[in-house]
Amino acid sequence: MIHHSAPKALAILALIFGITFTADRPAIALDMVLPQETEKYAASDLPGYKLVEQHCLMCHSAHYVKYQPHSSSREYWDAIVNKMKHPFGAFFPDEDIAPMVDYLVRTYGAERPGARP
């Protein structure tokens, strides 16, 4: 006769044995060699250029902006930069957001020279 608590007991035993089987193995560090960065942000006299180099390269390649639509509006870039801060947790002051957005939209987005309206 199977008792109604048997599935619970089996789950608890599986958890205990799972922890037991993995707890005796120490975590190991993996060595990773990342490819060398080949992309650079487009140089500019805009104040946001240096801020983008300083803040954005901490987490991702400069390739990231090349994958964004060239028709991206100021609102789009503002949403992207704000998303990097909240919820992704990028560390840069709020006062850096506007110049970074300005650089991104004027260099890679809808306000870049030669962009079609």
PDB file of N, CA and C in Angstrom:
ATOM      1  N   MET A   1       0.838  -1.174   0.000  1.00  0.00           N
ATOM      2  CA  MET A   1       0.000   0.000   0.000  1.00  0.00           C
ATOM      3  C   MET A   1       0.884   1.238   0.000  1.00  0.00           C
ATOM      4  N   ILE A   2       0.591   2.157  -0.908  1.00  0.00           N
ATOM      5  CA  ILE A   2       1.378   3.385  -1.015  1.00  0.00           C
ATOM      6  C   ILE A   2       0.681   4.474  -0.225  1.00  0.00           C
ATOM      7  N   HIS A   3       1.433   5.086   0.622  1.00  0.00           N
ATOM      8  CA  HIS A   3       0.906   6.185   1.439  1.00  0.00           C
ATOM      9  C   HIS A   3       0.846   7.452   0.594  1.00  0.00           C
ATOM     10  N   HIS A   4      -0.121   8.335   0.844  1.00  0.00           N
ATOM     11  CA  HIS A   4      -0.298   9.562   0.056  1.00  0.00           C
ATOM     12  C   HIS A   4       0.888  10.513   0.154  1.00  0.00           C
ATOM     13  N   SER A   5       1.681  10.400   1.173  1.00  0.00           N
ATOM     14  CA  SER A   5       2.830  11.294   1.301  1.00  0.00           C
ATOM     15  C   SER A   5       4.073  10.741   0.610  1.00  0.00           C
ATOM     16  N   ALA A   6       3.952   9.604  -0.056  1.00  0.00           N
ATOM     17  CA  ALA A   6       5.101   8.989  -0.734  1.00  0.00           C
ATOM     18  C   ALA A   6       5.719   9.917  -1.776  1.00  0.00           C
ATOM     19  N   PRO A   7       4.925  10.596  -2.654  1.00  0.00           N
ATOM     20  CA  PRO A   7       5.558  11.504  -3.612  1.00  0.00           C
ATOM     21  C   PRO A   7       6.354  12.620  -2.946  1.00  0.00           C
ATOM     22  N   LYS A   8       5.834  13.130  -1.827  1.00  0.00           N
ATOM     23  CA  LYS A   8       6.570  14.171  -1.106  1.00  0.00           C
ATOM     24  C   LYS A   8       7.882  13.623  -0.564  1.00  0.00           C
ATOM     25  N   ALA A   9       7.808  12.420  -0.010  1.00  0.00           N
ATOM     26  CA  ALA A   9       9.002  11.811   0.561  1.00  0.00           C
ATOM     27  C   ALA A   9      10.042  11.550  -0.527  1.00  0.00           C
ATOM     28  N   LEU A  10       9.588  11.092  -1.684  1.00  0.00           N
ATOM     29  CA  LEU A  10      10.522  10.852  -2.789  1.00  0.00           C
ATOM     30  C   LEU A  10      11.164  12.155  -3.254  1.00  0.00           C
ATOM     31  N   ALA A  11      10.374  13.213  -3.301  1.00  0.00           N
ATOM     32  CA  ALA A  11      10.916  14.514  -3.706  1.00  0.00           C
ATOM     33  C   ALA A  11      11.955  14.997  -2.704  1.00  0.00           C
ATOM     34  N   ILE A  12      11.663  14.825  -1.434  1.00  0.00           N
ATOM     35  CA  ILE A  12      12.602  15.248  -0.392  1.00  0.00           C
ATOM     36  C   ILE A  12      13.887  14.424  -0.470  1.00  0.00           C
ATOM     37  N   LEU A  13      13.742  13.110  -0.676  1.00  0.00           N
ATOM     38  CA  LEU A  13      14.935  12.254  -0.807  1.00  0.00           C
ATOM     39  C   LEU A  13      15.764  12.641  -2.031  1.00  0.00           C
ATOM     40  N   ALA A  14      15.097  12.924  -3.133  1.00  0.00           N
ATOM     41  CA  ALA A  14      15.815  13.341  -4.342  1.00  0.00           C
ATOM     42  C   ALA A  14      16.577  14.626  -4.089  1.00  0.00           C
ATOM     43  N   LEU A  15      15.948  15.554  -3.388  1.00  0.00           N
ATOM     44  CA  LEU A  15      16.614  16.813  -3.061  1.00  0.00           C
ATOM     45  C   LEU A  15      17.820  16.573  -2.167  1.00  0.00           C
ATOM     46  N   ILE A  16      17.648  15.742  -1.147  1.00  0.00           N
ATOM     47  CA  ILE A  16      18.749  15.457  -0.228  1.00  0.00           C
ATOM     48  C   ILE A  16      19.902  14.777  -0.961  1.00  0.00           C
ATOM     49  N   PHE A  17      19.574  13.756  -1.773  1.00  0.00           N
ATOM     50  CA  PHE A  17      20.639  13.062  -2.490  1.00  0.00           C
ATOM     51  C   PHE A  17      21.274  13.960  -3.538  1.00  0.00           C
ATOM     52  N   GLY A  18      20.490  14.803  -4.172  1.00  0.00           N
ATOM     53  CA  GLY A  18      21.035  15.738  -5.154  1.00  0.00           C
ATOM     54  C   GLY A  18      22.021  16.685  -4.518  1.00  0.00           C
ATOM     55  N   ILE A  19      21.660  17.190  -3.355  1.00  0.00           N
ATOM     56  CA  ILE A  19      22.550  18.108  -2.632  1.00  0.00           C
ATOM     57  C   ILE A  19      23.780  17.342  -2.164  1.00  0.00           C
ATOM     58  N   THR A  20      23.582  16.130  -1.687  1.00  0.00           N
ATOM     59  CA  THR A  20      24.698  15.325  -1.202  1.00  0.00           C
ATOM     60  C   THR A  20      25.673  15.006  -2.326  1.00  0.00           C
ATOM     61  N   PHE A  21      25.150  14.644  -3.484  1.00  0.00           N
ATOM     62  CA  PHE A  21      26.016  14.275  -4.595  1.00  0.00           C
ATOM     63  C   PHE A  21      26.762  15.469  -5.184  1.00  0.00           C
ATOM     64  N   THR A  22      26.196  16.649  -5.078  1.00  0.00           N
ATOM     65  CA  THR A  22      26.866  17.810  -5.658  1.00  0.00           C
ATOM     66  C   THR A  22      27.626  18.632  -4.624  1.00  0.00           C
ATOM     67  N   ALA A  23      27.273  18.511  -3.366  1.00  0.00           N
ATOM     68  CA  ALA A  23      27.923  19.318  -2.337  1.00  0.00           C
ATOM     69  C   ALA A  23      29.372  18.915  -2.104  1.00  0.00           C
ATOM     70  N   ASP A  24      29.719  17.669  -2.424  1.00  0.00           N
ATOM     71  CA  ASP A  24      31.091  17.234  -2.200  1.00  0.00           C
ATOM     72  C   ASP A  24      32.023  17.636  -3.341  1.00  0.00           C
ATOM     73  N   ARG A  25      31.486  18.259  -4.375  1.00  0.00           N
ATOM     74  CA  ARG A  25      32.302  18.716  -5.496  1.00  0.00           C
ATOM     75  C   ARG A  25      32.485  20.219  -5.411  1.00  0.00           C
ATOM     76  N   PRO A  26      33.691  20.668  -5.240  1.00  0.00           N
ATOM     77  CA  PRO A  26      33.896  22.121  -5.151  1.00  0.00           C
ATOM     78  C   PRO A  26      33.657  22.795  -6.505  1.00  0.00           C
ATOM     79  N   ALA A  27      33.239  24.016  -6.449  1.00  0.00           N
ATOM     80  CA  ALA A  27      33.082  24.801  -7.678  1.00  0.00           C
ATOM     81  C   ALA A  27      34.463  25.068  -8.258  1.00  0.00           C
ATOM     82  N   ILE A  28      34.540  25.050  -9.571  1.00  0.00           N
ATOM     83  CA  ILE A  28      35.827  25.318 -10.200  1.00  0.00           C
ATOM     84  C   ILE A  28      35.714  26.571 -11.060  1.00  0.00           C
ATOM     85  N   ALA A  29      36.790  27.283 -11.141  1.00  0.00           N
ATOM     86  CA  ALA A  29      36.836  28.476 -11.984  1.00  0.00           C
ATOM     87  C   ALA A  29      37.195  28.057 -13.409  1.00  0.00           C
ATOM     88  N   LEU A  30      36.523  28.674 -14.342  1.00  0.00           N
ATOM     89  CA  LEU A  30      36.824  28.396 -15.744  1.00  0.00           C
ATOM     90  C   LEU A  30      37.611  29.557 -16.323  1.00  0.00           C
ATOM     91  N   ASP A  31      38.615  29.240 -17.072  1.00  0.00           N
ATOM     92  CA  ASP A  31      39.355  30.274 -17.783  1.00  0.00           C
ATOM     93  C   ASP A  31      38.681  30.495 -19.130  1.00  0.00           C
ATOM     94  N   MET A  32      38.361  31.737 -19.411  1.00  0.00           N
ATOM     95  CA  MET A  32      37.740  32.059 -20.687  1.00  0.00           C
ATOM     96  C   MET A  32      38.600  33.092 -21.393  1.00  0.00           C
ATOM     97  N   VAL A  33      38.828  32.863 -22.655  1.00  0.00           N
ATOM     98  CA  VAL A  33      39.560  33.825 -23.463  1.00  0.00           C
ATOM     99  C   VAL A  33      38.561  34.426 -24.438  1.00  0.00           C
ATOM    100  N   LEU A  34      38.292  35.691 -24.267  1.00  0.00           N
ATOM    101  CA  LEU A  34      37.355  36.383 -25.140  1.00  0.00           C
ATOM    102  C   LEU A  34      38.095  36.943 -26.348  1.00  0.00           C
ATOM    103  N   PRO A  35      37.404  37.015 -27.472  1.00  0.00           N
ATOM    104  CA  PRO A  35      38.071  37.606 -28.639  1.00  0.00           C
ATOM    105  C   PRO A  35      38.372  39.074 -28.393  1.00  0.00           C
ATOM    106  N   GLN A  36      39.415  39.548 -29.018  1.00  0.00           N
ATOM    107  CA  GLN A  36      39.797  40.943 -28.869  1.00  0.00           C
ATOM    108  C   GLN A  36      38.723  41.828 -29.498  1.00  0.00           C
ATOM    109  N   GLU A  37      38.427  42.945 -28.855  1.00  0.00           N
ATOM    110  CA  GLU A  37      37.444  43.896 -29.361  1.00  0.00           C
ATOM    111  C   GLU A  37      37.940  44.468 -30.688  1.00  0.00           C
ATOM    112  N   THR A  38      37.099  44.387 -31.695  1.00  0.00           N
ATOM    113  CA  THR A  38      37.485  44.899 -33.010  1.00  0.00           C
ATOM    114  C   THR A  38      36.685  46.132 -33.407  1.00  0.00           C
ATOM    115  N   GLU A  39      35.581  46.354 -32.748  1.00  0.00           N
ATOM    116  CA  GLU A  39      34.709  47.488 -33.080  1.00  0.00           C
ATOM    117  C   GLU A  39      34.979  48.639 -32.134  1.00  0.00           C
ATOM    118  N   LYS A  40      34.866  49.837 -32.657  1.00  0.00           N
ATOM    119  CA  LYS A  40      35.023  51.038 -31.834  1.00  0.00           C
ATOM    120  C   LYS A  40      33.830  51.935 -32.105  1.00  0.00           C
ATOM    121  N   TYR A  41      33.474  52.722 -31.092  1.00  0.00           N
ATOM    122  CA  TYR A  41      32.431  53.720 -31.301  1.00  0.00           C
ATOM    123  C   TYR A  41      32.979  54.801 -32.233  1.00  0.00           C
ATOM    124  N   ALA A  42      32.104  55.351 -33.047  1.00  0.00           N
ATOM    125  CA  ALA A  42      32.509  56.410 -33.973  1.00  0.00           C
ATOM    126  C   ALA A  42      32.951  57.634 -33.178  1.00  0.00           C
ATOM    127  N   ALA A  43      34.184  58.086 -33.425  1.00  0.00           N
ATOM    128  CA  ALA A  43      34.724  59.242 -32.709  1.00  0.00           C
ATOM    129  C   ALA A  43      33.859  60.468 -32.978  1.00  0.00           C
ATOM    130  N   SER A  44      33.740  61.305 -31.954  1.00  0.00           N
ATOM    131  CA  SER A  44      32.880  62.476 -32.060  1.00  0.00           C
ATOM    132  C   SER A  44      33.305  63.517 -31.043  1.00  0.00           C
ATOM    133  N   ASP A  45      32.978  64.770 -31.347  1.00  0.00           N
ATOM    134  CA  ASP A  45      33.189  65.853 -30.384  1.00  0.00           C
ATOM    135  C   ASP A  45      32.004  65.985 -29.436  1.00  0.00           C
ATOM    136  N   LEU A  46      30.953  65.218 -29.668  1.00  0.00           N
ATOM    137  CA  LEU A  46      29.794  65.266 -28.770  1.00  0.00           C
ATOM    138  C   LEU A  46      30.201  64.762 -27.394  1.00  0.00           C
ATOM    139  N   PRO A  47      29.723  65.414 -26.323  1.00  0.00           N
ATOM    140  CA  PRO A  47      30.095  64.996 -24.970  1.00  0.00           C
ATOM    141  C   PRO A  47      29.748  63.541 -24.658  1.00  0.00           C
ATOM    142  N   GLY A  48      28.702  63.027 -25.274  1.00  0.00           N
ATOM    143  CA  GLY A  48      28.285  61.654 -25.002  1.00  0.00           C
ATOM    144  C   GLY A  48      29.230  60.592 -25.509  1.00  0.00           C
ATOM    145  N   TYR A  49      30.080  60.945 -26.457  1.00  0.00           N
ATOM    146  CA  TYR A  49      31.027  59.966 -27.016  1.00  0.00           C
ATOM    147  C   TYR A  49      31.912  59.370 -25.925  1.00  0.00           C
ATOM    148  N   LYS A  50      32.554  60.212 -25.160  1.00  0.00           N
ATOM    149  CA  LYS A  50      33.449  59.721 -24.094  1.00  0.00           C
ATOM    150  C   LYS A  50      32.664  58.961 -23.029  1.00  0.00           C
ATOM    151  N   LEU A  51      31.438  59.424 -22.752  1.00  0.00           N
ATOM    152  CA  LEU A  51      30.613  58.747 -21.752  1.00  0.00           C
ATOM    153  C   LEU A  51      30.201  57.360 -22.221  1.00  0.00           C
ATOM    154  N   VAL A  52      29.847  57.231 -23.498  1.00  0.00           N
ATOM    155  CA  VAL A  52      29.490  55.926 -24.060  1.00  0.00           C
ATOM    156  C   VAL A  52      30.702  55.005 -24.006  1.00  0.00           C
ATOM    157  N   GLU A  53      31.857  55.505 -24.379  1.00  0.00           N
ATOM    158  CA  GLU A  53      33.070  54.680 -24.282  1.00  0.00           C
ATOM    159  C   GLU A  53      33.331  54.255 -22.838  1.00  0.00           C
ATOM    160  N   GLN A  54      33.152  55.172 -21.929  1.00  0.00           N
ATOM    161  CA  GLN A  54      33.431  54.896 -20.514  1.00  0.00           C
ATOM    162  C   GLN A  54      32.427  53.914 -19.920  1.00  0.00           C
ATOM    163  N   HIS A  55      31.153  54.111 -20.198  1.00  0.00           N
ATOM    164  CA  HIS A  55      30.121  53.331 -19.512  1.00  0.00           C
ATOM    165  C   HIS A  55      29.675  52.073 -20.266  1.00  0.00           C
ATOM    166  N   CYS A  56      29.535  52.156 -21.567  1.00  0.00           N
ATOM    167  CA  CYS A  56      28.921  51.053 -22.314  1.00  0.00           C
ATOM    168  C   CYS A  56      29.868  49.870 -22.517  1.00  0.00           C
ATOM    169  N   LEU A  57      31.144  50.160 -22.749  1.00  0.00           N
ATOM    170  CA  LEU A  57      32.102  49.084 -22.987  1.00  0.00           C
ATOM    171  C   LEU A  57      32.376  48.248 -21.742  1.00  0.00           C
ATOM    172  N   MET A  58      31.896  48.699 -20.603  1.00  0.00           N
ATOM    173  CA  MET A  58      32.061  47.920 -19.368  1.00  0.00           C
ATOM    174  C   MET A  58      31.300  46.596 -19.459  1.00  0.00           C
ATOM    175  N   CYS A  59      30.199  46.597 -20.235  1.00  0.00           N
ATOM    176  CA  CYS A  59      29.325  45.420 -20.269  1.00  0.00           C
ATOM    177  C   CYS A  59      29.200  44.752 -21.630  1.00  0.00           C
ATOM    178  N   HIS A  60      29.352  45.503 -22.694  1.00  0.00           N
ATOM    179  CA  HIS A  60      29.160  44.891 -24.004  1.00  0.00           C
ATOM    180  C   HIS A  60      30.023  45.562 -25.060  1.00  0.00           C
ATOM    181  N   SER A  61      30.112  44.884 -26.178  1.00  0.00           N
ATOM    182  CA  SER A  61      30.907  45.348 -27.302  1.00  0.00           C
ATOM    183  C   SER A  61      30.275  46.566 -27.960  1.00  0.00           C
ATOM    184  N   ALA A  62      31.099  47.310 -28.649  1.00  0.00           N
ATOM    185  CA  ALA A  62      30.585  48.435 -29.434  1.00  0.00           C
ATOM    186  C   ALA A  62      29.759  47.940 -30.614  1.00  0.00           C
ATOM    187  N   HIS A  63      29.853  46.662 -30.934  1.00  0.00           N
ATOM    188  CA  HIS A  63      29.025  46.088 -31.995  1.00  0.00           C
ATOM    189  C   HIS A  63      27.538  46.253 -31.690  1.00  0.00           C
ATOM    190  N   TYR A  64      27.202  46.305 -30.416  1.00  0.00           N
ATOM    191  CA  TYR A  64      25.789  46.367 -30.010  1.00  0.00           C
ATOM    192  C   TYR A  64      25.041  47.484 -30.733  1.00  0.00           C
ATOM    193  N   VAL A  65      25.641  48.655 -30.844  1.00  0.00           N
ATOM    194  CA  VAL A  65      24.934  49.779 -31.474  1.00  0.00           C
ATOM    195  C   VAL A  65      24.756  49.563 -32.973  1.00  0.00           C
ATOM    196  N   LYS A  66      25.653  48.810 -33.586  1.00  0.00           N
ATOM    197  CA  LYS A  66      25.537  48.563 -35.027  1.00  0.00           C
ATOM    198  C   LYS A  66      24.338  47.683 -35.363  1.00  0.00           C
ATOM    199  N   TYR A  67      23.863  46.917 -34.400  1.00  0.00           N
ATOM    200  CA  TYR A  67      22.720  46.042 -34.627  1.00  0.00           C
ATOM    201  C   TYR A  67      21.388  46.749 -34.403  1.00  0.00           C
ATOM    202  N   GLN A  68      21.428  47.986 -33.980  1.00  0.00           N
ATOM    203  CA  GLN A  68      20.198  48.745 -33.762  1.00  0.00           C
ATOM    204  C   GLN A  68      19.754  49.374 -35.083  1.00  0.00           C
ATOM    205  N   PRO A  69      18.440  49.506 -35.279  1.00  0.00           N
ATOM    206  CA  PRO A  69      17.956  50.102 -36.531  1.00  0.00           C
ATOM    207  C   PRO A  69      18.476  51.527 -36.716  1.00  0.00           C
ATOM    208  N   HIS A  70      18.921  51.855 -37.917  1.00  0.00           N
ATOM    209  CA  HIS A  70      19.442  53.195 -38.200  1.00  0.00           C
ATOM    210  C   HIS A  70      18.351  54.260 -38.126  1.00  0.00           C
ATOM    211  N   SER A  71      17.107  53.829 -38.158  1.00  0.00           N
ATOM    212  CA  SER A  71      15.986  54.765 -38.049  1.00  0.00           C
ATOM    213  C   SER A  71      15.591  55.018 -36.595  1.00  0.00           C
ATOM    214  N   SER A  72      16.386  54.512 -35.654  1.00  0.00           N
ATOM    215  CA  SER A  72      16.040  54.618 -34.234  1.00  0.00           C
ATOM    216  C   SER A  72      15.959  56.070 -33.788  1.00  0.00           C
ATOM    217  N   SER A  73      14.839  56.391 -33.173  1.00  0.00           N
ATOM    218  CA  SER A  73      14.563  57.759 -32.713  1.00  0.00           C
ATOM    219  C   SER A  73      15.271  58.058 -31.396  1.00  0.00           C
ATOM    220  N   ARG A  74      15.219  59.305 -31.017  1.00  0.00           N
ATOM    221  CA  ARG A  74      15.755  59.734 -29.723  1.00  0.00           C
ATOM    222  C   ARG A  74      15.049  58.975 -28.592  1.00  0.00           C
ATOM    223  N   GLU A  75      13.743  58.786 -28.722  1.00  0.00           N
ATOM    224  CA  GLU A  75      12.975  58.065 -27.695  1.00  0.00           C
ATOM    225  C   GLU A  75      13.454  56.612 -27.582  1.00  0.00           C
ATOM    226  N   TYR A  76      13.754  56.013 -28.723  1.00  0.00           N
ATOM    227  CA  TYR A  76      14.263  54.642 -28.737  1.00  0.00           C
ATOM    228  C   TYR A  76      15.579  54.560 -27.971  1.00  0.00           C
ATOM    229  N   TRP A  77      16.524  55.440 -28.319  1.00  0.00           N
ATOM    230  CA  TRP A  77      17.833  55.397 -27.661  1.00  0.00           C
ATOM    231  C   TRP A  77      17.710  55.735 -26.182  1.00  0.00           C
ATOM    232  N   ASP A  78      16.806  56.637 -25.831  1.00  0.00           N
ATOM    233  CA  ASP A  78      16.588  56.956 -24.425  1.00  0.00           C
ATOM    234  C   ASP A  78      16.097  55.707 -23.678  1.00  0.00           C
ATOM    235  N   ALA A  79      15.177  54.976 -24.289  1.00  0.00           N
ATOM    236  CA  ALA A  79      14.674  53.746 -23.661  1.00  0.00           C
ATOM    237  C   ALA A  79      15.791  52.705 -23.524  1.00  0.00           C
ATOM    238  N   ILE A  80      16.640  52.579 -24.542  1.00  0.00           N
ATOM    239  CA  ILE A  80      17.744  51.610 -24.492  1.00  0.00           C
ATOM    240  C   ILE A  80      18.717  51.954 -23.367  1.00  0.00           C
ATOM    241  N   VAL A  81      19.129  53.213 -23.299  1.00  0.00           N
ATOM    242  CA  VAL A  81      20.098  53.618 -22.263  1.00  0.00           C
ATOM    243  C   VAL A  81      19.480  53.468 -20.878  1.00  0.00           C
ATOM    244  N   ASN A  82      18.238  53.868 -20.720  1.00  0.00           N
ATOM    245  CA  ASN A  82      17.580  53.716 -19.417  1.00  0.00           C
ATOM    246  C   ASN A  82      17.410  52.250 -19.040  1.00  0.00           C
ATOM    247  N   LYS A  83      17.177  51.383 -20.027  1.00  0.00           N
ATOM    248  CA  LYS A  83      17.062  49.942 -19.757  1.00  0.00           C
ATOM    249  C   LYS A  83      18.390  49.388 -19.240  1.00  0.00           C
ATOM    250  N   MET A  84      19.481  49.916 -19.767  1.00  0.00           N
ATOM    251  CA  MET A  84      20.786  49.440 -19.298  1.00  0.00           C
ATOM    252  C   MET A  84      20.989  49.778 -17.819  1.00  0.00           C
ATOM    253  N   LYS A  85      20.448  50.898 -17.414  1.00  0.00           N
ATOM    254  CA  LYS A  85      20.576  51.302 -16.005  1.00  0.00           C
ATOM    255  C   LYS A  85      19.558  50.562 -15.133  1.00  0.00           C
ATOM    256  N   HIS A  86      18.320  50.582 -15.542  1.00  0.00           N
ATOM    257  CA  HIS A  86      17.237  49.902 -14.810  1.00  0.00           C
ATOM    258  C   HIS A  86      16.433  49.114 -15.822  1.00  0.00           C
ATOM    259  N   PRO A  87      16.398  47.866 -15.867  1.00  0.00           N
ATOM    260  CA  PRO A  87      16.685  46.940 -14.777  1.00  0.00           C
ATOM    261  C   PRO A  87      18.056  46.277 -14.830  1.00  0.00           C
ATOM    262  N   PHE A  88      18.871  46.523 -15.888  1.00  0.00           N
ATOM    263  CA  PHE A  88      20.112  45.776 -16.041  1.00  0.00           C
ATOM    264  C   PHE A  88      21.203  46.156 -15.042  1.00  0.00           C
ATOM    265  N   GLY A  89      21.107  47.324 -14.414  1.00  0.00           N
ATOM    266  CA  GLY A  89      22.034  47.672 -13.343  1.00  0.00           C
ATOM    267  C   GLY A  89      23.344  48.307 -13.756  1.00  0.00           C
ATOM    268  N   ALA A  90      23.404  48.897 -14.948  1.00  0.00           N
ATOM    269  CA  ALA A  90      24.638  49.586 -15.352  1.00  0.00           C
ATOM    270  C   ALA A  90      24.902  50.746 -14.390  1.00  0.00           C
ATOM    271  N   PHE A  91      26.173  50.948 -14.080  1.00  0.00           N
ATOM    272  CA  PHE A  91      26.563  51.984 -13.127  1.00  0.00           C
ATOM    273  C   PHE A  91      26.999  53.240 -13.860  1.00  0.00           C
ATOM    274  N   PHE A  92      26.084  54.176 -14.036  1.00  0.00           N
ATOM    275  CA  PHE A  92      26.437  55.497 -14.534  1.00  0.00           C
ATOM    276  C   PHE A  92      25.428  56.487 -13.978  1.00  0.00           C
ATOM    277  N   PRO A  93      25.866  57.710 -13.759  1.00  0.00           N
ATOM    278  CA  PRO A  93      24.973  58.701 -13.156  1.00  0.00           C
ATOM    279  C   PRO A  93      23.846  59.106 -14.113  1.00  0.00           C
ATOM    280  N   ASP A  94      22.713  59.453 -13.547  1.00  0.00           N
ATOM    281  CA  ASP A  94      21.558  59.875 -14.345  1.00  0.00           C
ATOM    282  C   ASP A  94      21.891  61.044 -15.261  1.00  0.00           C
ATOM    283  N   GLU A  95      22.759  61.926 -14.820  1.00  0.00           N
ATOM    284  CA  GLU A  95      23.083  63.103 -15.646  1.00  0.00           C
ATOM    285  C   GLU A  95      23.873  62.740 -16.911  1.00  0.00           C
ATOM    286  N   ASP A  96      24.390  61.512 -16.980  1.00  0.00           N
ATOM    287  CA  ASP A  96      25.104  61.070 -18.187  1.00  0.00           C
ATOM    288  C   ASP A  96      24.154  60.540 -19.264  1.00  0.00           C
ATOM    289  N   ILE A  97      22.913  60.277 -18.910  1.00  0.00           N
ATOM    290  CA  ILE A  97      21.971  59.660 -19.853  1.00  0.00           C
ATOM    291  C   ILE A  97      21.712  60.562 -21.055  1.00  0.00           C
ATOM    292  N   ALA A  98      21.358  61.816 -20.832  1.00  0.00           N
ATOM    293  CA  ALA A  98      21.013  62.716 -21.948  1.00  0.00           C
ATOM    294  C   ALA A  98      22.160  62.870 -22.953  1.00  0.00           C
ATOM    295  N   PRO A  99      23.405  63.138 -22.517  1.00  0.00           N
ATOM    296  CA  PRO A  99      24.477  63.247 -23.513  1.00  0.00           C
ATOM    297  C   PRO A  99      24.785  61.918 -24.219  1.00  0.00           C
ATOM    298  N   MET A 100      24.624  60.807 -23.528  1.00  0.00           N
ATOM    299  CA  MET A 100      24.839  59.514 -24.162  1.00  0.00           C
ATOM    300  C   MET A 100      23.780  59.273 -25.239  1.00  0.00           C
ATOM    301  N   VAL A 101      22.533  59.560 -24.917  1.00  0.00           N
ATOM    302  CA  VAL A 101      21.441  59.402 -25.877  1.00  0.00           C
ATOM    303  C   VAL A 101      21.670  60.322 -27.070  1.00  0.00           C
ATOM    304  N   ASP A 102      22.083  61.555 -26.805  1.00  0.00           N
ATOM    305  CA  ASP A 102      22.329  62.510 -27.881  1.00  0.00           C
ATOM    306  C   ASP A 102      23.402  61.983 -28.835  1.00  0.00           C
ATOM    307  N   TYR A 103      24.484  61.481 -28.291  1.00  0.00           N
ATOM    308  CA  TYR A 103      25.553  60.912 -29.121  1.00  0.00           C
ATOM    309  C   TYR A 103      25.026  59.726 -29.938  1.00  0.00           C
ATOM    310  N   LEU A 104      24.313  58.811 -29.298  1.00  0.00           N
ATOM    311  CA  LEU A 104      23.847  57.612 -29.978  1.00  0.00           C
ATOM    312  C   LEU A 104      22.868  57.926 -31.106  1.00  0.00           C
ATOM    313  N   VAL A 105      21.909  58.805 -30.862  1.00  0.00           N
ATOM    314  CA  VAL A 105      20.914  59.105 -31.896  1.00  0.00           C
ATOM    315  C   VAL A 105      21.517  59.931 -33.031  1.00  0.00           C
ATOM    316  N   ARG A 106      22.466  60.796 -32.701  1.00  0.00           N
ATOM    317  CA  ARG A 106      23.075  61.644 -33.734  1.00  0.00           C
ATOM    318  C   ARG A 106      24.184  60.923 -34.502  1.00  0.00           C
ATOM    319  N   THR A 107      24.675  59.817 -33.959  1.00  0.00           N
ATOM    320  CA  THR A 107      25.747  59.066 -34.612  1.00  0.00           C
ATOM    321  C   THR A 107      25.234  57.787 -35.267  1.00  0.00           C
ATOM    322  N   TYR A 108      24.293  57.124 -34.622  1.00  0.00           N
ATOM    323  CA  TYR A 108      23.822  55.825 -35.113  1.00  0.00           C
ATOM    324  C   TYR A 108      22.326  55.788 -35.420  1.00  0.00           C
ATOM    325  N   GLY A 109      21.591  56.804 -35.034  1.00  0.00           N
ATOM    326  CA  GLY A 109      20.139  56.759 -35.172  1.00  0.00           C
ATOM    327  C   GLY A 109      19.570  57.703 -36.195  1.00  0.00           C
ATOM    328  N   ALA A 110      18.326  58.049 -35.985  1.00  0.00           N
ATOM    329  CA  ALA A 110      17.540  58.838 -36.932  1.00  0.00           C
ATOM    330  C   ALA A 110      18.052  60.256 -37.152  1.00  0.00           C
ATOM    331  N   GLU A 111      18.876  60.775 -36.239  1.00  0.00           N
ATOM    332  CA  GLU A 111      19.366  62.146 -36.369  1.00  0.00           C
ATOM    333  C   GLU A 111      20.802  62.225 -36.901  1.00  0.00           C
ATOM    334  N   ARG A 112      21.324  61.106 -37.376  1.00  0.00           N
ATOM    335  CA  ARG A 112      22.696  61.109 -37.906  1.00  0.00           C
ATOM    336  C   ARG A 112      22.698  61.849 -39.255  1.00  0.00           C
ATOM    337  N   PRO A 113      23.839  62.411 -39.649  1.00  0.00           N
ATOM    338  CA  PRO A 113      23.907  63.101 -40.942  1.00  0.00           C
ATOM    339  C   PRO A 113      23.529  62.161 -42.081  1.00  0.00           C
ATOM    340  N   GLY A 114      22.709  62.646 -42.966  1.00  0.00           N
ATOM    341  CA  GLY A 114      22.276  61.849 -44.115  1.00  0.00           C
ATOM    342  C   GLY A 114      21.148  60.890 -43.825  1.00  0.00           C
ATOM    343  N   ALA A 115      20.623  60.908 -42.602  1.00  0.00           N
ATOM    344  CA  ALA A 115      19.512  60.002 -42.276  1.00  0.00           C
ATOM    345  C   ALA A 115      18.257  60.453 -43.000  1.00  0.00           C
ATOM    346  N   ARG A 116      17.473  59.507 -43.422  1.00  0.00           N
ATOM    347  CA  ARG A 116      16.215  59.829 -44.096  1.00  0.00           C
ATOM    348  C   ARG A 116      15.129  60.069 -43.050  1.00  0.00           C
ATOM    349  N   PRO A 117      14.305  61.085 -43.267  1.00  0.00           N
ATOM    350  CA  PRO A 117      13.227  61.353 -42.296  1.00  0.00           C
ATOM    351  C   PRO A 117      12.146  60.304 -42.309  1.00  0.00           C
TER     352      PRO A 117
END
